[in-house]
Amino acid sequence: MEETPFLSLLLITALAVLIPFLVTRVRVIRLPIVVGEILAGVLVGTSGFNLVEHSTVVDFLAEFGFAFLMFLSGLEVDFSILNGNRDGKPPSRSRNPLQLAITIVLLTIGLATGSSFALREAGIITSPL
């Protein structure tokens, strides 16, 4: 029997329709709709109950959904916060989000590099890269 992704697509479509209604109706935890849909996807996917069969159609939907999520999150960015121009004043050195982000990235890269060389010296890994 040839496997078809129709049941998986039906489940994905049903969840895409039902999750926004469930998230807005259940007010125990205030959860954004997108987070509810991601959690539902994790539950029915291979990380959860493995109800969705792996196919090229499901892979396409996963890639397209991720790209669409990144597009929408990019639309939500308020660039005036990065410049500190929300209230017209320049940001202080301690409250500049762009400087904080760059510092965190550099700190993360430094810690990862140091940890990888330490793991190589301990004989746990062979290449720090």
N, C-alpha and C. Protein backbone atom coordinates (compact mmCIF):
# COMPACT_ATOMS: atom_id res chain seq x y z
N MET A 1 0.84 -1.19 0.00
CA MET A 1 0.00 0.00 0.00
C MET A 1 0.88 1.25 0.00
N GLU A 2 0.58 2.18 -0.86
CA GLU A 2 1.35 3.40 -0.98
C GLU A 2 0.96 4.37 0.14
N GLU A 3 1.99 4.92 0.79
CA GLU A 3 1.72 5.86 1.89
C GLU A 3 1.41 7.23 1.30
N THR A 4 0.36 7.84 1.79
CA THR A 4 0.00 9.19 1.36
C THR A 4 -0.04 10.10 2.56
N PRO A 5 0.31 11.37 2.36
CA PRO A 5 0.35 12.30 3.49
C PRO A 5 -1.00 12.93 3.81
N PHE A 6 -2.09 12.37 3.27
CA PHE A 6 -3.38 13.05 3.45
C PHE A 6 -3.84 13.09 4.90
N LEU A 7 -3.65 12.02 5.65
CA LEU A 7 -4.06 12.05 7.06
C LEU A 7 -3.20 13.03 7.86
N SER A 8 -1.92 13.08 7.53
CA SER A 8 -1.04 14.05 8.20
C SER A 8 -1.46 15.47 7.87
N LEU A 9 -1.78 15.70 6.59
CA LEU A 9 -2.22 17.04 6.20
C LEU A 9 -3.55 17.41 6.84
N LEU A 10 -4.44 16.44 6.96
CA LEU A 10 -5.72 16.68 7.63
C LEU A 10 -5.49 17.06 9.09
N LEU A 11 -4.60 16.35 9.77
CA LEU A 11 -4.30 16.66 11.16
C LEU A 11 -3.66 18.04 11.29
N ILE A 12 -2.72 18.35 10.41
CA ILE A 12 -2.06 19.65 10.46
C ILE A 12 -3.06 20.78 10.21
N THR A 13 -3.94 20.59 9.23
CA THR A 13 -4.95 21.60 8.92
C THR A 13 -5.93 21.77 10.07
N ALA A 14 -6.36 20.66 10.65
CA ALA A 14 -7.30 20.74 11.78
C ALA A 14 -6.67 21.47 12.96
N LEU A 15 -5.40 21.18 13.23
CA LEU A 15 -4.73 21.88 14.33
C LEU A 15 -4.55 23.36 14.02
N ALA A 16 -4.26 23.68 12.77
CA ALA A 16 -4.08 25.08 12.40
C ALA A 16 -5.36 25.87 12.57
N VAL A 17 -6.50 25.21 12.43
CA VAL A 17 -7.79 25.89 12.60
C VAL A 17 -8.21 25.91 14.06
N LEU A 18 -8.00 24.80 14.77
CA LEU A 18 -8.51 24.67 16.14
C LEU A 18 -7.66 25.35 17.20
N ILE A 19 -6.35 25.35 17.04
CA ILE A 19 -5.47 25.88 18.07
C ILE A 19 -5.73 27.36 18.37
N PRO A 20 -5.92 28.24 17.37
CA PRO A 20 -6.21 29.64 17.74
C PRO A 20 -7.49 29.78 18.56
N PHE A 21 -8.51 28.98 18.26
CA PHE A 21 -9.73 29.04 19.07
C PHE A 21 -9.48 28.55 20.49
N LEU A 22 -8.73 27.46 20.63
CA LEU A 22 -8.45 26.92 21.95
C LEU A 22 -7.60 27.86 22.78
N VAL A 23 -6.60 28.46 22.16
CA VAL A 23 -5.70 29.35 22.89
C VAL A 23 -6.44 30.60 23.35
N THR A 24 -7.33 31.13 22.52
CA THR A 24 -8.06 32.34 22.92
C THR A 24 -9.16 32.04 23.92
N ARG A 25 -9.70 30.83 23.92
CA ARG A 25 -10.78 30.48 24.86
C ARG A 25 -10.24 30.11 26.24
N VAL A 26 -9.14 29.38 26.27
CA VAL A 26 -8.56 28.94 27.54
C VAL A 26 -7.64 30.04 28.04
N ARG A 27 -8.03 30.70 29.08
CA ARG A 27 -7.27 31.83 29.62
C ARG A 27 -6.51 31.47 30.89
N VAL A 28 -6.26 30.18 31.10
CA VAL A 28 -5.48 29.79 32.28
C VAL A 28 -4.06 30.32 32.13
N ILE A 29 -3.48 30.11 30.95
CA ILE A 29 -2.15 30.62 30.64
C ILE A 29 -2.30 31.54 29.44
N ARG A 30 -1.85 32.79 29.58
CA ARG A 30 -1.93 33.71 28.45
C ARG A 30 -0.79 33.37 27.50
N LEU A 31 -1.16 32.76 26.38
CA LEU A 31 -0.20 32.24 25.43
C LEU A 31 -0.48 32.83 24.06
N PRO A 32 0.54 33.32 23.36
CA PRO A 32 0.30 33.79 21.99
C PRO A 32 -0.13 32.62 21.10
N ILE A 33 -0.91 32.91 20.08
CA ILE A 33 -1.43 31.87 19.20
C ILE A 33 -0.29 31.12 18.50
N VAL A 34 0.73 31.85 18.10
CA VAL A 34 1.84 31.20 17.40
C VAL A 34 2.54 30.19 18.31
N VAL A 35 2.71 30.54 19.57
CA VAL A 35 3.34 29.62 20.52
C VAL A 35 2.46 28.39 20.71
N GLY A 36 1.15 28.57 20.78
CA GLY A 36 0.24 27.44 20.89
C GLY A 36 0.33 26.51 19.69
N GLU A 37 0.45 27.09 18.50
CA GLU A 37 0.56 26.26 17.30
C GLU A 37 1.91 25.54 17.24
N ILE A 38 2.97 26.19 17.68
CA ILE A 38 4.27 25.53 17.72
C ILE A 38 4.24 24.37 18.72
N LEU A 39 3.65 24.59 19.88
CA LEU A 39 3.54 23.51 20.88
C LEU A 39 2.69 22.35 20.37
N ALA A 40 1.61 22.65 19.66
CA ALA A 40 0.79 21.60 19.09
C ALA A 40 1.58 20.82 18.04
N GLY A 41 2.38 21.52 17.24
CA GLY A 41 3.22 20.85 16.26
C GLY A 41 4.26 19.95 16.89
N VAL A 42 4.82 20.39 18.00
CA VAL A 42 5.79 19.55 18.71
C VAL A 42 5.10 18.32 19.27
N LEU A 43 3.88 18.49 19.78
CA LEU A 43 3.15 17.35 20.35
C LEU A 43 2.78 16.29 19.32
N VAL A 44 2.36 16.71 18.13
CA VAL A 44 1.95 15.72 17.13
C VAL A 44 3.10 15.28 16.25
N GLY A 45 4.23 15.95 16.32
CA GLY A 45 5.38 15.62 15.47
C GLY A 45 6.22 14.51 16.06
N THR A 46 7.41 14.36 15.50
CA THR A 46 8.29 13.27 15.92
C THR A 46 8.82 13.45 17.35
N SER A 47 8.80 14.68 17.86
CA SER A 47 9.24 14.90 19.23
C SER A 47 8.18 14.51 20.25
N GLY A 48 6.93 14.41 19.81
CA GLY A 48 5.83 14.09 20.72
C GLY A 48 5.26 12.72 20.44
N PHE A 49 4.02 12.69 20.01
CA PHE A 49 3.31 11.43 19.80
C PHE A 49 3.54 10.82 18.42
N ASN A 50 4.31 11.48 17.56
CA ASN A 50 4.66 10.97 16.23
C ASN A 50 3.42 10.60 15.41
N LEU A 51 2.45 11.50 15.36
CA LEU A 51 1.22 11.27 14.63
C LEU A 51 1.30 11.70 13.17
N VAL A 52 2.30 12.50 12.83
CA VAL A 52 2.42 13.02 11.47
C VAL A 52 3.50 12.22 10.75
N GLU A 53 3.14 11.67 9.57
CA GLU A 53 4.10 10.92 8.77
C GLU A 53 5.05 11.86 8.07
N HIS A 54 6.28 11.43 7.93
CA HIS A 54 7.29 12.22 7.25
C HIS A 54 7.09 12.11 5.75
N SER A 55 6.92 13.25 5.06
CA SER A 55 6.77 13.26 3.60
C SER A 55 7.30 14.58 3.06
N THR A 56 7.40 14.65 1.76
CA THR A 56 7.91 15.88 1.14
C THR A 56 6.94 17.04 1.30
N VAL A 57 5.65 16.73 1.33
CA VAL A 57 4.65 17.78 1.52
C VAL A 57 4.76 18.37 2.92
N VAL A 58 4.92 17.52 3.91
CA VAL A 58 5.05 17.98 5.29
C VAL A 58 6.37 18.75 5.46
N ASP A 59 7.43 18.28 4.81
CA ASP A 59 8.70 19.02 4.85
C ASP A 59 8.55 20.41 4.24
N PHE A 60 7.83 20.49 3.11
CA PHE A 60 7.60 21.80 2.49
C PHE A 60 6.81 22.71 3.42
N LEU A 61 5.77 22.17 4.05
CA LEU A 61 4.97 22.98 4.97
C LEU A 61 5.81 23.45 6.15
N ALA A 62 6.71 22.61 6.63
CA ALA A 62 7.57 22.99 7.75
C ALA A 62 8.50 24.14 7.35
N GLU A 63 9.12 24.02 6.18
CA GLU A 63 10.02 25.08 5.71
C GLU A 63 9.26 26.37 5.42
N PHE A 64 8.12 26.25 4.77
CA PHE A 64 7.32 27.43 4.46
C PHE A 64 6.81 28.10 5.73
N GLY A 65 6.36 27.30 6.69
CA GLY A 65 5.88 27.84 7.96
C GLY A 65 6.96 28.56 8.73
N PHE A 66 8.16 28.00 8.71
CA PHE A 66 9.28 28.65 9.40
C PHE A 66 9.63 29.97 8.73
N ALA A 67 9.69 29.97 7.39
CA ALA A 67 9.98 31.20 6.66
C ALA A 67 8.91 32.26 6.93
N PHE A 68 7.65 31.84 6.95
CA PHE A 68 6.56 32.78 7.21
C PHE A 68 6.63 33.32 8.63
N LEU A 69 6.97 32.47 9.59
CA LEU A 69 7.12 32.91 10.98
C LEU A 69 8.24 33.93 11.10
N MET A 70 9.36 33.70 10.43
CA MET A 70 10.46 34.66 10.47
C MET A 70 10.07 35.98 9.80
N PHE A 71 9.31 35.89 8.70
CA PHE A 71 8.83 37.11 8.03
C PHE A 71 7.93 37.91 8.97
N LEU A 72 6.99 37.24 9.62
CA LEU A 72 6.08 37.96 10.51
C LEU A 72 6.81 38.53 11.72
N SER A 73 7.78 37.80 12.25
CA SER A 73 8.52 38.34 13.39
C SER A 73 9.36 39.53 12.98
N GLY A 74 9.84 39.55 11.74
CA GLY A 74 10.57 40.71 11.24
C GLY A 74 9.69 41.93 11.11
N LEU A 75 8.41 41.71 10.80
CA LEU A 75 7.49 42.84 10.70
C LEU A 75 7.18 43.45 12.07
N GLU A 76 7.36 42.66 13.13
CA GLU A 76 7.04 43.13 14.47
C GLU A 76 8.18 43.89 15.14
N VAL A 77 9.35 43.93 14.51
CA VAL A 77 10.50 44.60 15.11
C VAL A 77 10.30 46.11 15.05
N ASP A 78 10.47 46.75 16.18
CA ASP A 78 10.38 48.20 16.26
C ASP A 78 11.81 48.75 16.28
N PHE A 79 12.27 49.25 15.14
CA PHE A 79 13.66 49.68 15.02
C PHE A 79 13.96 50.94 15.81
N SER A 80 12.95 51.67 16.21
CA SER A 80 13.22 52.85 17.02
C SER A 80 13.73 52.47 18.40
N ILE A 81 13.43 51.27 18.86
CA ILE A 81 13.96 50.82 20.15
C ILE A 81 15.46 50.61 20.05
N LEU A 82 15.93 50.07 18.91
CA LEU A 82 17.35 49.83 18.75
C LEU A 82 18.15 51.12 18.72
N ASN A 83 17.57 52.17 18.19
CA ASN A 83 18.25 53.46 18.16
C ASN A 83 18.02 54.27 19.43
N GLY A 84 17.11 53.86 20.25
CA GLY A 84 16.81 54.60 21.46
C GLY A 84 15.95 55.82 21.21
N ASN A 85 15.28 55.88 20.08
CA ASN A 85 14.51 57.06 19.72
C ASN A 85 13.03 56.93 20.05
N ARG A 86 12.68 56.04 20.92
CA ARG A 86 11.27 55.88 21.25
C ARG A 86 10.70 57.14 21.88
N ASP A 87 11.45 57.75 22.78
CA ASP A 87 10.97 58.98 23.39
C ASP A 87 11.78 60.20 22.94
N GLY A 88 12.63 60.03 21.93
CA GLY A 88 13.39 61.15 21.39
C GLY A 88 14.75 61.34 22.02
N LYS A 89 15.04 60.64 23.11
CA LYS A 89 16.32 60.78 23.79
C LYS A 89 17.29 59.69 23.32
N PRO A 90 18.57 60.01 23.26
CA PRO A 90 19.53 58.95 22.93
C PRO A 90 19.63 57.97 24.10
N PRO A 91 19.91 56.70 23.81
CA PRO A 91 19.97 55.72 24.89
C PRO A 91 21.22 55.90 25.74
N SER A 92 21.11 55.52 27.00
CA SER A 92 22.29 55.52 27.86
C SER A 92 23.15 54.33 27.49
N ARG A 93 24.41 54.35 27.90
CA ARG A 93 25.32 53.25 27.54
C ARG A 93 24.85 51.93 28.12
N SER A 94 24.25 51.95 29.27
CA SER A 94 23.84 50.69 29.91
C SER A 94 22.50 50.18 29.38
N ARG A 95 21.76 51.00 28.65
CA ARG A 95 20.44 50.59 28.19
C ARG A 95 20.33 50.53 26.67
N ASN A 96 21.45 50.46 25.99
CA ASN A 96 21.45 50.39 24.53
C ASN A 96 21.28 48.92 24.12
N PRO A 97 20.15 48.54 23.55
CA PRO A 97 19.91 47.13 23.22
C PRO A 97 20.86 46.58 22.16
N LEU A 98 21.25 47.41 21.20
CA LEU A 98 22.15 46.93 20.16
C LEU A 98 23.53 46.62 20.74
N GLN A 99 24.01 47.47 21.60
CA GLN A 99 25.30 47.24 22.25
C GLN A 99 25.22 46.01 23.15
N LEU A 100 24.12 45.83 23.84
CA LEU A 100 23.93 44.66 24.69
C LEU A 100 23.91 43.38 23.85
N ALA A 101 23.22 43.41 22.71
CA ALA A 101 23.15 42.23 21.84
C ALA A 101 24.52 41.86 21.30
N ILE A 102 25.28 42.85 20.86
CA ILE A 102 26.63 42.58 20.35
C ILE A 102 27.52 42.02 21.44
N THR A 103 27.41 42.56 22.64
CA THR A 103 28.19 42.05 23.76
C THR A 103 27.83 40.60 24.08
N ILE A 104 26.56 40.28 24.06
CA ILE A 104 26.13 38.91 24.36
C ILE A 104 26.62 37.94 23.28
N VAL A 105 26.54 38.35 22.01
CA VAL A 105 27.02 37.49 20.92
C VAL A 105 28.51 37.24 21.06
N LEU A 106 29.29 38.28 21.31
CA LEU A 106 30.73 38.11 21.46
C LEU A 106 31.08 37.27 22.67
N LEU A 107 30.34 37.45 23.75
CA LEU A 107 30.56 36.63 24.95
C LEU A 107 30.23 35.17 24.68
N THR A 108 29.17 34.91 23.96
CA THR A 108 28.79 33.54 23.62
C THR A 108 29.84 32.88 22.74
N ILE A 109 30.32 33.61 21.73
CA ILE A 109 31.36 33.06 20.86
C ILE A 109 32.63 32.79 21.66
N GLY A 110 33.00 33.70 22.54
CA GLY A 110 34.19 33.50 23.36
C GLY A 110 34.07 32.30 24.28
N LEU A 111 32.93 32.16 24.93
CA LEU A 111 32.72 31.02 25.82
C LEU A 111 32.68 29.70 25.06
N ALA A 112 32.07 29.69 23.89
CA ALA A 112 32.02 28.47 23.08
C ALA A 112 33.41 28.07 22.60
N THR A 113 34.19 29.06 22.18
CA THR A 113 35.54 28.76 21.72
C THR A 113 36.40 28.25 22.87
N GLY A 114 36.34 28.91 24.00
CA GLY A 114 37.11 28.46 25.16
C GLY A 114 36.70 27.07 25.63
N SER A 115 35.40 26.82 25.63
CA SER A 115 34.92 25.50 26.05
C SER A 115 35.35 24.41 25.08
N SER A 116 35.33 24.71 23.78
CA SER A 116 35.72 23.69 22.80
C SER A 116 37.20 23.36 22.90
N PHE A 117 38.04 24.35 23.14
CA PHE A 117 39.46 24.06 23.31
C PHE A 117 39.71 23.31 24.62
N ALA A 118 38.95 23.63 25.66
CA ALA A 118 39.08 22.89 26.92
C ALA A 118 38.64 21.44 26.76
N LEU A 119 37.59 21.20 26.00
CA LEU A 119 37.15 19.82 25.75
C LEU A 119 38.17 19.06 24.91
N ARG A 120 38.85 19.75 23.99
CA ARG A 120 39.89 19.10 23.21
C ARG A 120 41.08 18.72 24.10
N GLU A 121 41.47 19.62 24.98
CA GLU A 121 42.57 19.33 25.90
C GLU A 121 42.23 18.21 26.86
N ALA A 122 40.95 18.07 27.22
CA ALA A 122 40.53 16.99 28.12
C ALA A 122 40.41 15.66 27.39
N GLY A 123 40.51 15.69 26.05
CA GLY A 123 40.43 14.45 25.28
C GLY A 123 39.02 14.00 24.98
N ILE A 124 38.03 14.85 25.21
CA ILE A 124 36.64 14.48 24.96
C ILE A 124 36.29 14.63 23.49
N ILE A 125 36.83 15.65 22.84
CA ILE A 125 36.62 15.85 21.40
C ILE A 125 37.97 15.92 20.71
N THR A 126 37.97 15.74 19.38
CA THR A 126 39.24 15.78 18.66
C THR A 126 39.48 17.12 17.99
N SER A 127 38.43 17.80 17.58
CA SER A 127 38.57 19.08 16.89
C SER A 127 37.69 20.12 17.55
N PRO A 128 38.25 21.25 17.93
CA PRO A 128 37.44 22.28 18.59
C PRO A 128 36.45 22.95 17.65
N LEU A 129 36.64 22.82 16.34
CA LEU A 129 35.71 23.43 15.40
C LEU A 129 34.51 22.55 15.23
